[in-house]
Amino acid sequence: MKTLLKSLGVIILLIGVGILAIPAFTDTRDNAVLAAGLLAVILGFLAHIVLNKKID
């Protein structure tokens, strides 16, 4: 459980990257999708920092 919690930030980051990859492959440039991907990447980055400081 501790390992999964430490990896949660990275998992959120990878989900954000997946969201950003969708418009690249489908050739649609919707700002809502790009904003959601950016938000997921930023939240994953911050969660990774905070969770690794709290757990260790």
PDB file of N, CA and C in Angstrom:
ATOM      1  N   MET A   1       0.820  -1.189   0.000  1.00  0.00           N
ATOM      2  CA  MET A   1       0.000   0.000   0.000  1.00  0.00           C
ATOM      3  C   MET A   1       0.866   1.256   0.000  1.00  0.00           C
ATOM      4  N   LYS A   2       1.963   1.200   0.749  1.00  0.00           N
ATOM      5  CA  LYS A   2       2.853   2.349   0.823  1.00  0.00           C
ATOM      6  C   LYS A   2       3.501   2.623  -0.537  1.00  0.00           C
ATOM      7  N   THR A   3       3.847   1.568  -1.250  1.00  0.00           N
ATOM      8  CA  THR A   3       4.465   1.719  -2.561  1.00  0.00           C
ATOM      9  C   THR A   3       3.476   2.310  -3.565  1.00  0.00           C
ATOM     10  N   LEU A   4       2.229   1.857  -3.486  1.00  0.00           N
ATOM     11  CA  LEU A   4       1.207   2.391  -4.391  1.00  0.00           C
ATOM     12  C   LEU A   4       0.951   3.864  -4.113  1.00  0.00           C
ATOM     13  N   LEU A   5       0.949   4.232  -2.838  1.00  0.00           N
ATOM     14  CA  LEU A   5       0.723   5.622  -2.481  1.00  0.00           C
ATOM     15  C   LEU A   5       1.883   6.502  -2.930  1.00  0.00           C
ATOM     16  N   LYS A   6       3.109   5.980  -2.858  1.00  0.00           N
ATOM     17  CA  LYS A   6       4.261   6.740  -3.337  1.00  0.00           C
ATOM     18  C   LYS A   6       4.223   6.913  -4.853  1.00  0.00           C
ATOM     19  N   SER A   7       3.629   5.969  -5.550  1.00  0.00           N
ATOM     20  CA  SER A   7       3.570   6.011  -7.010  1.00  0.00           C
ATOM     21  C   SER A   7       2.341   6.726  -7.547  1.00  0.00           C
ATOM     22  N   LEU A   8       1.470   7.185  -6.677  1.00  0.00           N
ATOM     23  CA  LEU A   8       0.227   7.808  -7.115  1.00  0.00           C
ATOM     24  C   LEU A   8       0.469   9.059  -7.954  1.00  0.00           C
ATOM     25  N   GLY A   9       1.444   9.866  -7.580  1.00  0.00           N
ATOM     26  CA  GLY A   9       1.753  11.065  -8.351  1.00  0.00           C
ATOM     27  C   GLY A   9       2.215  10.740  -9.757  1.00  0.00           C
ATOM     28  N   VAL A  10       3.030   9.710  -9.877  1.00  0.00           N
ATOM     29  CA  VAL A  10       3.519   9.303 -11.196  1.00  0.00           C
ATOM     30  C   VAL A  10       2.380   8.737 -12.041  1.00  0.00           C
ATOM     31  N   ILE A  11       1.477   8.017 -11.407  1.00  0.00           N
ATOM     32  CA  ILE A  11       0.335   7.462 -12.132  1.00  0.00           C
ATOM     33  C   ILE A  11      -0.549   8.588 -12.674  1.00  0.00           C
ATOM     34  N   ILE A  12      -0.797   9.616 -11.853  1.00  0.00           N
ATOM     35  CA  ILE A  12      -1.592  10.763 -12.305  1.00  0.00           C
ATOM     36  C   ILE A  12      -0.875  11.486 -13.439  1.00  0.00           C
ATOM     37  N   LEU A  13       0.442  11.601 -13.317  1.00  0.00           N
ATOM     38  CA  LEU A  13       1.231  12.237 -14.376  1.00  0.00           C
ATOM     39  C   LEU A  13       1.098  11.470 -15.691  1.00  0.00           C
ATOM     40  N   LEU A  14       1.177  10.154 -15.635  1.00  0.00           N
ATOM     41  CA  LEU A  14       1.051   9.345 -16.850  1.00  0.00           C
ATOM     42  C   LEU A  14      -0.353   9.423 -17.444  1.00  0.00           C
ATOM     43  N   ILE A  15      -1.363   9.553 -16.600  1.00  0.00           N
ATOM     44  CA  ILE A  15      -2.719   9.742 -17.105  1.00  0.00           C
ATOM     45  C   ILE A  15      -2.813  11.074 -17.848  1.00  0.00           C
ATOM     46  N   GLY A  16      -2.175  12.106 -17.295  1.00  0.00           N
ATOM     47  CA  GLY A  16      -2.150  13.403 -17.973  1.00  0.00           C
ATOM     48  C   GLY A  16      -1.451  13.338 -19.314  1.00  0.00           C
ATOM     49  N   VAL A  17      -0.367  12.603 -19.378  1.00  0.00           N
ATOM     50  CA  VAL A  17       0.351  12.432 -20.651  1.00  0.00           C
ATOM     51  C   VAL A  17      -0.523  11.681 -21.654  1.00  0.00           C
ATOM     52  N   GLY A  18      -1.259  10.695 -21.167  1.00  0.00           N
ATOM     53  CA  GLY A  18      -2.185   9.973 -22.044  1.00  0.00           C
ATOM     54  C   GLY A  18      -3.277  10.875 -22.583  1.00  0.00           C
ATOM     55  N   ILE A  19      -3.786  11.765 -21.722  1.00  0.00           N
ATOM     56  CA  ILE A  19      -4.809  12.719 -22.169  1.00  0.00           C
ATOM     57  C   ILE A  19      -4.233  13.661 -23.210  1.00  0.00           C
ATOM     58  N   LEU A  20      -2.993  14.083 -23.020  1.00  0.00           N
ATOM     59  CA  LEU A  20      -2.365  14.970 -24.004  1.00  0.00           C
ATOM     60  C   LEU A  20      -2.029  14.251 -25.309  1.00  0.00           C
ATOM     61  N   ALA A  21      -1.877  12.943 -25.257  1.00  0.00           N
ATOM     62  CA  ALA A  21      -1.562  12.191 -26.472  1.00  0.00           C
ATOM     63  C   ALA A  21      -2.791  11.983 -27.351  1.00  0.00           C
ATOM     64  N   ILE A  22      -3.967  12.033 -26.767  1.00  0.00           N
ATOM     65  CA  ILE A  22      -5.195  11.809 -27.540  1.00  0.00           C
ATOM     66  C   ILE A  22      -5.337  12.806 -28.691  1.00  0.00           C
ATOM     67  N   PRO A  23      -5.219  14.127 -28.453  1.00  0.00           N
ATOM     68  CA  PRO A  23      -5.335  15.049 -29.595  1.00  0.00           C
ATOM     69  C   PRO A  23      -4.192  14.912 -30.601  1.00  0.00           C
ATOM     70  N   ALA A  24      -3.054  14.453 -30.166  1.00  0.00           N
ATOM     71  CA  ALA A  24      -1.935  14.305 -31.093  1.00  0.00           C
ATOM     72  C   ALA A  24      -2.205  13.199 -32.117  1.00  0.00           C
ATOM     73  N   PHE A  25      -2.875  12.139 -31.687  1.00  0.00           N
ATOM     74  CA  PHE A  25      -3.135  11.014 -32.594  1.00  0.00           C
ATOM     75  C   PHE A  25      -4.447  11.162 -33.359  1.00  0.00           C
ATOM     76  N   THR A  26      -5.406  11.869 -32.788  1.00  0.00           N
ATOM     77  CA  THR A  26      -6.695  12.015 -33.467  1.00  0.00           C
ATOM     78  C   THR A  26      -6.771  13.284 -34.301  1.00  0.00           C
ATOM     79  N   ASP A  27      -5.762  14.137 -34.198  1.00  0.00           N
ATOM     80  CA  ASP A  27      -5.675  15.373 -34.973  1.00  0.00           C
ATOM     81  C   ASP A  27      -6.829  16.331 -34.681  1.00  0.00           C
ATOM     82  N   THR A  28      -7.305  16.320 -33.437  1.00  0.00           N
ATOM     83  CA  THR A  28      -8.283  17.307 -32.993  1.00  0.00           C
ATOM     84  C   THR A  28      -7.628  18.160 -31.922  1.00  0.00           C
ATOM     85  N   ARG A  29      -7.779  19.447 -32.021  1.00  0.00           N
ATOM     86  CA  ARG A  29      -7.156  20.369 -31.080  1.00  0.00           C
ATOM     87  C   ARG A  29      -8.240  21.067 -30.255  1.00  0.00           C
ATOM     88  N   ASP A  30      -8.768  20.389 -29.275  1.00  0.00           N
ATOM     89  CA  ASP A  30      -9.779  20.960 -28.403  1.00  0.00           C
ATOM     90  C   ASP A  30      -9.098  21.481 -27.145  1.00  0.00           C
ATOM     91  N   ASN A  31      -9.344  22.740 -26.819  1.00  0.00           N
ATOM     92  CA  ASN A  31      -8.672  23.346 -25.675  1.00  0.00           C
ATOM     93  C   ASN A  31      -9.059  22.703 -24.357  1.00  0.00           C
ATOM     94  N   ALA A  32     -10.262  22.174 -24.251  1.00  0.00           N
ATOM     95  CA  ALA A  32     -10.690  21.541 -23.004  1.00  0.00           C
ATOM     96  C   ALA A  32      -9.874  20.281 -22.728  1.00  0.00           C
ATOM     97  N   VAL A  33      -9.611  19.512 -23.753  1.00  0.00           N
ATOM     98  CA  VAL A  33      -8.812  18.294 -23.584  1.00  0.00           C
ATOM     99  C   VAL A  33      -7.375  18.653 -23.222  1.00  0.00           C
ATOM    100  N   LEU A  34      -6.831  19.659 -23.876  1.00  0.00           N
ATOM    101  CA  LEU A  34      -5.468  20.076 -23.575  1.00  0.00           C
ATOM    102  C   LEU A  34      -5.352  20.653 -22.167  1.00  0.00           C
ATOM    103  N   ALA A  35      -6.358  21.403 -21.730  1.00  0.00           N
ATOM    104  CA  ALA A  35      -6.349  21.956 -20.377  1.00  0.00           C
ATOM    105  C   ALA A  35      -6.476  20.855 -19.333  1.00  0.00           C
ATOM    106  N   ALA A  36      -7.290  19.848 -19.602  1.00  0.00           N
ATOM    107  CA  ALA A  36      -7.424  18.727 -18.669  1.00  0.00           C
ATOM    108  C   ALA A  36      -6.115  17.948 -18.565  1.00  0.00           C
ATOM    109  N   GLY A  37      -5.449  17.754 -19.675  1.00  0.00           N
ATOM    110  CA  GLY A  37      -4.155  17.075 -19.653  1.00  0.00           C
ATOM    111  C   GLY A  37      -3.108  17.866 -18.894  1.00  0.00           C
ATOM    112  N   LEU A  38      -3.076  19.172 -19.107  1.00  0.00           N
ATOM    113  CA  LEU A  38      -2.135  20.024 -18.388  1.00  0.00           C
ATOM    114  C   LEU A  38      -2.416  19.999 -16.896  1.00  0.00           C
ATOM    115  N   LEU A  39      -3.677  20.068 -16.517  1.00  0.00           N
ATOM    116  CA  LEU A  39      -4.045  20.031 -15.104  1.00  0.00           C
ATOM    117  C   LEU A  39      -3.636  18.714 -14.458  1.00  0.00           C
ATOM    118  N   ALA A  40      -3.834  17.610 -15.161  1.00  0.00           N
ATOM    119  CA  ALA A  40      -3.452  16.302 -14.623  1.00  0.00           C
ATOM    120  C   ALA A  40      -1.938  16.197 -14.473  1.00  0.00           C
ATOM    121  N   VAL A  41      -1.180  16.729 -15.408  1.00  0.00           N
ATOM    122  CA  VAL A  41       0.276  16.685 -15.314  1.00  0.00           C
ATOM    123  C   VAL A  41       0.763  17.516 -14.131  1.00  0.00           C
ATOM    124  N   ILE A  42       0.208  18.707 -13.968  1.00  0.00           N
ATOM    125  CA  ILE A  42       0.627  19.568 -12.857  1.00  0.00           C
ATOM    126  C   ILE A  42       0.236  18.946 -11.520  1.00  0.00           C
ATOM    127  N   LEU A  43      -0.992  18.425 -11.412  1.00  0.00           N
ATOM    128  CA  LEU A  43      -1.415  17.789 -10.166  1.00  0.00           C
ATOM    129  C   LEU A  43      -0.586  16.544  -9.859  1.00  0.00           C
ATOM    130  N   GLY A  44      -0.257  15.770 -10.880  1.00  0.00           N
ATOM    131  CA  GLY A  44       0.578  14.595 -10.667  1.00  0.00           C
ATOM    132  C   GLY A  44       1.969  14.961 -10.199  1.00  0.00           C
ATOM    133  N   PHE A  45       2.522  16.023 -10.753  1.00  0.00           N
ATOM    134  CA  PHE A  45       3.844  16.495 -10.351  1.00  0.00           C
ATOM    135  C   PHE A  45       3.834  16.941  -8.895  1.00  0.00           C
ATOM    136  N   LEU A  46       2.837  17.737  -8.528  1.00  0.00           N
ATOM    137  CA  LEU A  46       2.745  18.220  -7.151  1.00  0.00           C
ATOM    138  C   LEU A  46       2.439  17.082  -6.176  1.00  0.00           C
ATOM    139  N   ALA A  47       1.580  16.163  -6.568  1.00  0.00           N
ATOM    140  CA  ALA A  47       1.260  15.023  -5.708  1.00  0.00           C
ATOM    141  C   ALA A  47       2.492  14.155  -5.487  1.00  0.00           C
ATOM    142  N   HIS A  48       3.299  13.980  -6.512  1.00  0.00           N
ATOM    143  CA  HIS A  48       4.524  13.194  -6.382  1.00  0.00           C
ATOM    144  C   HIS A  48       5.459  13.815  -5.351  1.00  0.00           C
ATOM    145  N   ILE A  49       5.616  15.115  -5.403  1.00  0.00           N
ATOM    146  CA  ILE A  49       6.497  15.801  -4.454  1.00  0.00           C
ATOM    147  C   ILE A  49       5.949  15.705  -3.040  1.00  0.00           C
ATOM    148  N   VAL A  50       4.682  16.026  -2.866  1.00  0.00           N
ATOM    149  CA  VAL A  50       4.084  16.056  -1.523  1.00  0.00           C
ATOM    150  C   VAL A  50       4.018  14.657  -0.907  1.00  0.00           C
ATOM    151  N   LEU A  51       3.578  13.674  -1.679  1.00  0.00           N
ATOM    152  CA  LEU A  51       3.447  12.322  -1.125  1.00  0.00           C
ATOM    153  C   LEU A  51       4.790  11.715  -0.774  1.00  0.00           C
ATOM    154  N   ASN A  52       5.804  11.971  -1.565  1.00  0.00           N
ATOM    155  CA  ASN A  52       7.114  11.407  -1.238  1.00  0.00           C
ATOM    156  C   ASN A  52       7.737  12.060  -0.021  1.00  0.00           C
ATOM    157  N   LYS A  53       7.409  13.305   0.243  1.00  0.00           N
ATOM    158  CA  LYS A  53       7.904  13.960   1.459  1.00  0.00           C
ATOM    159  C   LYS A  53       7.165  13.478   2.689  1.00  0.00           C
ATOM    160  N   LYS A  54       5.854  13.230   2.558  1.00  0.00           N
ATOM    161  CA  LYS A  54       5.052  12.803   3.703  1.00  0.00           C
ATOM    162  C   LYS A  54       5.298  11.352   4.071  1.00  0.00           C
ATOM    163  N   ILE A  55       5.499  10.487   3.092  1.00  0.00           N
ATOM    164  CA  ILE A  55       5.621   9.051   3.351  1.00  0.00           C
ATOM    165  C   ILE A  55       6.991   8.706   3.907  1.00  0.00           C
ATOM    166  N   ASP A  56       8.033   9.334   3.408  1.00  0.00           N
ATOM    167  CA  ASP A  56       9.382   9.009   3.902  1.00  0.00           C
ATOM    168  C   ASP A  56       9.619   9.560   5.227  1.00  0.00           C
TER     169      ASP A  56
END
